[in-house]
Amino acid sequence: MIIPTPDILNSSDPDIAGSYYALQRARQSAIDLAIQTNTAIVTTVDGKIVRITAAELIKQRQLTS
């Protein structure tokens, strides 16, 4: 998943500035759903397409909390 840089937070358009947080919430919802349904998500890491399993997402969540 491509997340925009925080530079959009400086946009004079409040909709564009708010979209950064909307995308963060959507990302979190996708991760939550993948964990609940024991499925993987497909995203990009360092420009490469990767598949992250629910088990890996749970591990990542435990490391960050």
C-alpha atoms as a PDB file:
ATOM      1  CA  MET A   1       0.000   0.000   0.000  1.00  0.00           C
ATOM      2  CA  ILE A   2       1.385   3.344  -0.959  1.00  0.00           C
ATOM      3  CA  ILE A   3       1.062   5.862   1.844  1.00  0.00           C
ATOM      4  CA  PRO A   4       1.539   9.486   0.848  1.00  0.00           C
ATOM      5  CA  THR A   5       4.243  11.488   2.471  1.00  0.00           C
ATOM      6  CA  PRO A   6       3.286  13.838   5.283  1.00  0.00           C
ATOM      7  CA  ASP A   7       3.943  16.721   2.858  1.00  0.00           C
ATOM      8  CA  ILE A   8       0.279  16.610   1.905  1.00  0.00           C
ATOM      9  CA  LEU A   9      -0.502  17.741   5.437  1.00  0.00           C
ATOM     10  CA  ASN A  10       0.732  21.179   4.357  1.00  0.00           C
ATOM     11  CA  SER A  11      -1.744  21.417   1.491  1.00  0.00           C
ATOM     12  CA  SER A  12      -3.939  24.498   1.410  1.00  0.00           C
ATOM     13  CA  ASP A  13      -6.847  22.213   0.453  1.00  0.00           C
ATOM     14  CA  PRO A  14      -8.285  20.769   3.687  1.00  0.00           C
ATOM     15  CA  ASP A  15      -9.606  17.708   1.846  1.00  0.00           C
ATOM     16  CA  ILE A  16      -6.152  16.820   0.591  1.00  0.00           C
ATOM     17  CA  ALA A  17      -4.603  17.479   3.989  1.00  0.00           C
ATOM     18  CA  GLY A  18      -7.237  15.279   5.653  1.00  0.00           C
ATOM     19  CA  SER A  19      -6.747  12.486   3.148  1.00  0.00           C
ATOM     20  CA  TYR A  20      -3.455  11.553   4.814  1.00  0.00           C
ATOM     21  CA  TYR A  21      -5.249  10.554   8.008  1.00  0.00           C
ATOM     22  CA  ALA A  22      -8.055   8.883   6.060  1.00  0.00           C
ATOM     23  CA  LEU A  23      -5.509   6.678   4.307  1.00  0.00           C
ATOM     24  CA  GLN A  24      -3.877   5.814   7.631  1.00  0.00           C
ATOM     25  CA  ARG A  25      -7.290   4.761   9.014  1.00  0.00           C
ATOM     26  CA  ALA A  26      -8.017   2.709   5.881  1.00  0.00           C
ATOM     27  CA  ARG A  27      -4.648   0.975   6.198  1.00  0.00           C
ATOM     28  CA  GLN A  28      -5.347   0.093   9.821  1.00  0.00           C
ATOM     29  CA  SER A  29      -8.826  -1.197   8.936  1.00  0.00           C
ATOM     30  CA  ALA A  30      -7.346  -3.421   6.212  1.00  0.00           C
ATOM     31  CA  ILE A  31      -4.829  -4.844   8.667  1.00  0.00           C
ATOM     32  CA  ASP A  32      -7.539  -5.435  11.294  1.00  0.00           C
ATOM     33  CA  LEU A  33      -9.738  -7.224   8.744  1.00  0.00           C
ATOM     34  CA  ALA A  34      -6.859  -9.382   7.508  1.00  0.00           C
ATOM     35  CA  ILE A  35      -6.112 -10.465  11.073  1.00  0.00           C
ATOM     36  CA  GLN A  36      -9.784 -11.161  11.839  1.00  0.00           C
ATOM     37  CA  THR A  37     -10.242 -13.249   8.702  1.00  0.00           C
ATOM     38  CA  ASN A  38      -6.780 -14.858   8.805  1.00  0.00           C
ATOM     39  CA  THR A  39      -5.933 -13.585   5.348  1.00  0.00           C
ATOM     40  CA  ALA A  40      -2.954 -11.738   3.932  1.00  0.00           C
ATOM     41  CA  ILE A  41      -2.628  -8.228   2.613  1.00  0.00           C
ATOM     42  CA  VAL A  42      -0.667  -7.235  -0.456  1.00  0.00           C
ATOM     43  CA  THR A  43       1.329  -4.038  -0.213  1.00  0.00           C
ATOM     44  CA  THR A  44       4.606  -2.523  -1.296  1.00  0.00           C
ATOM     45  CA  VAL A  45       7.772  -2.485   0.766  1.00  0.00           C
ATOM     46  CA  ASP A  46      10.721  -0.552  -0.604  1.00  0.00           C
ATOM     47  CA  GLY A  47       9.008  -0.458  -3.994  1.00  0.00           C
ATOM     48  CA  LYS A  48       8.452  -4.227  -4.156  1.00  0.00           C
ATOM     49  CA  ILE A  49       5.061  -5.927  -4.015  1.00  0.00           C
ATOM     50  CA  VAL A  50       4.883  -8.219  -0.973  1.00  0.00           C
ATOM     51  CA  ARG A  51       2.275 -10.440   0.634  1.00  0.00           C
ATOM     52  CA  ILE A  52       2.046 -10.158   4.426  1.00  0.00           C
ATOM     53  CA  THR A  53       0.196 -12.956   6.202  1.00  0.00           C
ATOM     54  CA  ALA A  54      -2.105 -12.460   9.159  1.00  0.00           C
ATOM     55  CA  ALA A  55       0.461 -14.148  11.404  1.00  0.00           C
ATOM     56  CA  GLU A  56       3.127 -11.676  10.294  1.00  0.00           C
ATOM     57  CA  LEU A  57       0.719  -8.759  10.833  1.00  0.00           C
ATOM     58  CA  ILE A  58       0.040  -9.983  14.378  1.00  0.00           C
ATOM     59  CA  LYS A  59       3.794 -10.205  15.055  1.00  0.00           C
ATOM     60  CA  GLN A  60       4.335  -6.691  13.712  1.00  0.00           C
ATOM     61  CA  ARG A  61       1.502  -5.378  15.879  1.00  0.00           C
ATOM     62  CA  GLN A  62       2.963  -7.021  18.992  1.00  0.00           C
ATOM     63  CA  LEU A  63       6.377  -5.505  18.308  1.00  0.00           C
ATOM     64  CA  THR A  64       4.970  -1.995  17.978  1.00  0.00           C
ATOM     65  CA  SER A  65       2.712  -2.071  21.023  1.00  0.00           C
END
